[in-house]
């Protein structure tokens, strides 16, 4: 389900950054969604589509995913995020957001 094109596409990721993201995602594999989203809510959380940037909403429309209500944001670094669609116990990875543009924050250092 990974989007390789568009403003949040994986095609622009370097090999080194891919290894970093892989390590981060692997560290979440042994955790429950409660641990990831409730205990780690400052780093990881679900975001309603209507709260996302216009480019993110437009891309969901292009991908024919406009029936999705929310995406999951998984923090890699202070700024970098991986976005996915949660289906029960799984998360289908969708976007790479190195500049925190899917859902920009007004908080300092994000």
Protein backbone atom coordinates (compact mmCIF):
# COMPACT_ATOMS: atom_id res chain seq x y z
CA UNK A 1 0.00 0.00 0.00
CA UNK A 2 3.06 2.25 0.10
CA UNK A 3 2.65 5.35 -2.04
CA UNK A 4 5.86 5.76 -4.01
CA UNK A 5 4.82 8.93 -5.85
CA UNK A 6 3.21 12.18 -4.80
CA UNK A 7 4.32 14.65 -2.14
CA UNK A 8 4.80 11.96 0.51
CA UNK A 9 6.15 9.20 -1.69
CA UNK A 10 8.78 6.73 -0.62
CA UNK A 11 10.76 7.16 -3.86
CA UNK A 12 12.66 10.13 -2.45
CA UNK A 13 13.98 8.27 0.57
CA UNK A 14 17.67 7.41 0.87
CA UNK A 15 18.86 3.91 1.66
CA UNK A 16 20.30 5.03 5.00
CA UNK A 17 17.03 6.69 6.02
CA UNK A 18 15.13 3.55 4.97
CA UNK A 19 17.27 1.55 7.41
CA UNK A 20 16.48 4.06 10.19
CA UNK A 21 12.75 3.88 9.46
CA UNK A 22 12.87 0.08 9.31
CA UNK A 23 14.53 -0.03 12.74
CA UNK A 24 11.92 2.31 14.18
CA UNK A 25 9.02 0.30 12.78
CA UNK A 26 10.61 -2.95 13.94
CA UNK A 27 10.81 -1.53 17.47
CA UNK A 28 7.00 -1.13 17.41
CA UNK A 29 6.27 -4.69 16.25
CA UNK A 30 6.26 -6.21 19.73
CA UNK A 31 3.97 -3.51 21.14
CA UNK A 32 0.19 -3.46 21.31
CA UNK A 33 -1.80 -0.62 19.73
CA UNK A 34 -2.58 0.52 23.26
CA UNK A 35 1.13 0.88 23.97
CA UNK A 36 1.82 2.57 20.64
CA UNK A 37 -1.08 5.03 20.57
CA UNK A 38 -2.11 5.54 24.20
CA UNK A 39 1.14 5.30 26.16
CA UNK A 40 3.11 6.78 23.25
CA UNK A 41 0.50 9.38 22.27
CA UNK A 42 3.02 12.22 22.18
CA UNK A 43 4.99 10.37 19.51
CA UNK A 44 2.31 8.30 17.77
CA UNK A 45 -1.37 9.01 17.25
CA UNK A 46 -4.34 8.74 14.94
CA UNK A 47 -5.23 11.87 12.98
CA UNK A 48 -8.58 12.60 11.35
CA UNK A 49 -8.27 13.22 7.61
CA UNK A 50 -10.05 16.58 7.91
CA UNK A 51 -7.21 17.78 10.18
CA UNK A 52 -4.57 17.02 7.55
CA UNK A 53 -3.07 19.39 5.04
CA UNK A 54 -4.80 19.95 1.70
CA UNK A 55 -2.01 18.15 -0.21
CA UNK A 56 -2.51 15.09 2.01
CA UNK A 57 -6.28 15.14 1.53
CA UNK A 58 -5.85 15.63 -2.22
CA UNK A 59 -3.43 12.71 -2.42
CA UNK A 60 -5.86 10.42 -0.61
CA UNK A 61 -8.46 11.39 -3.21
CA UNK A 62 -6.00 10.62 -6.06
CA UNK A 63 -5.26 7.24 -4.50
CA UNK A 64 -9.00 6.55 -4.17
CA UNK A 65 -8.60 6.35 -0.40
CA UNK A 66 -11.03 9.18 0.31
CA UNK A 67 -13.24 6.80 2.32
CA UNK A 68 -10.59 6.64 5.06
CA UNK A 69 -11.52 8.57 8.23
CA UNK A 70 -8.10 8.70 9.85
CA UNK A 71 -4.46 7.77 9.43
CA UNK A 72 -1.91 6.75 12.04
CA UNK A 73 1.17 8.93 12.48
CA UNK A 74 4.27 7.11 13.73
CA UNK A 75 7.16 9.29 14.83
CA UNK A 76 10.62 8.47 13.51
CA UNK A 77 12.42 11.66 14.66
CA UNK A 78 11.25 15.02 16.01
CA UNK A 79 10.16 15.99 12.49
CA UNK A 80 9.94 12.78 10.45
CA UNK A 81 6.79 10.66 10.36
CA UNK A 82 5.53 7.47 8.78
CA UNK A 83 1.82 7.45 8.00
CA UNK A 84 -0.36 4.39 7.70
CA UNK A 85 -3.87 3.02 7.66
CA UNK A 86 -4.74 0.88 10.65
CA UNK A 87 -6.80 -2.25 10.02
CA UNK A 88 -7.38 -4.04 13.31
CA UNK A 89 -3.99 -5.17 14.59
CA UNK A 90 -2.14 -4.20 11.41
CA UNK A 91 -0.99 -0.94 9.91
CA UNK A 92 -0.63 -0.62 6.16
CA UNK A 93 2.21 1.82 5.62
CA UNK A 94 1.27 4.59 3.22
CA UNK A 95 3.48 7.69 3.36
CA UNK A 96 6.93 8.96 4.28
CA UNK A 97 6.70 12.50 5.71
CA UNK A 98 10.23 13.78 6.36
CA UNK A 99 9.17 17.42 6.76
CA UNK A 100 6.06 16.89 8.93
CA UNK A 101 3.80 18.21 6.15
CA UNK A 102 0.90 15.75 6.25
CA UNK A 103 -0.39 17.35 9.42
CA UNK A 104 1.85 20.31 10.27
CA UNK A 105 2.31 21.17 13.91
CA UNK A 106 2.70 24.60 15.42
CA UNK A 107 4.81 23.13 18.18
CA UNK A 108 8.47 24.06 18.39
CA UNK A 109 10.95 21.52 16.88
CA UNK A 110 8.31 19.64 14.84
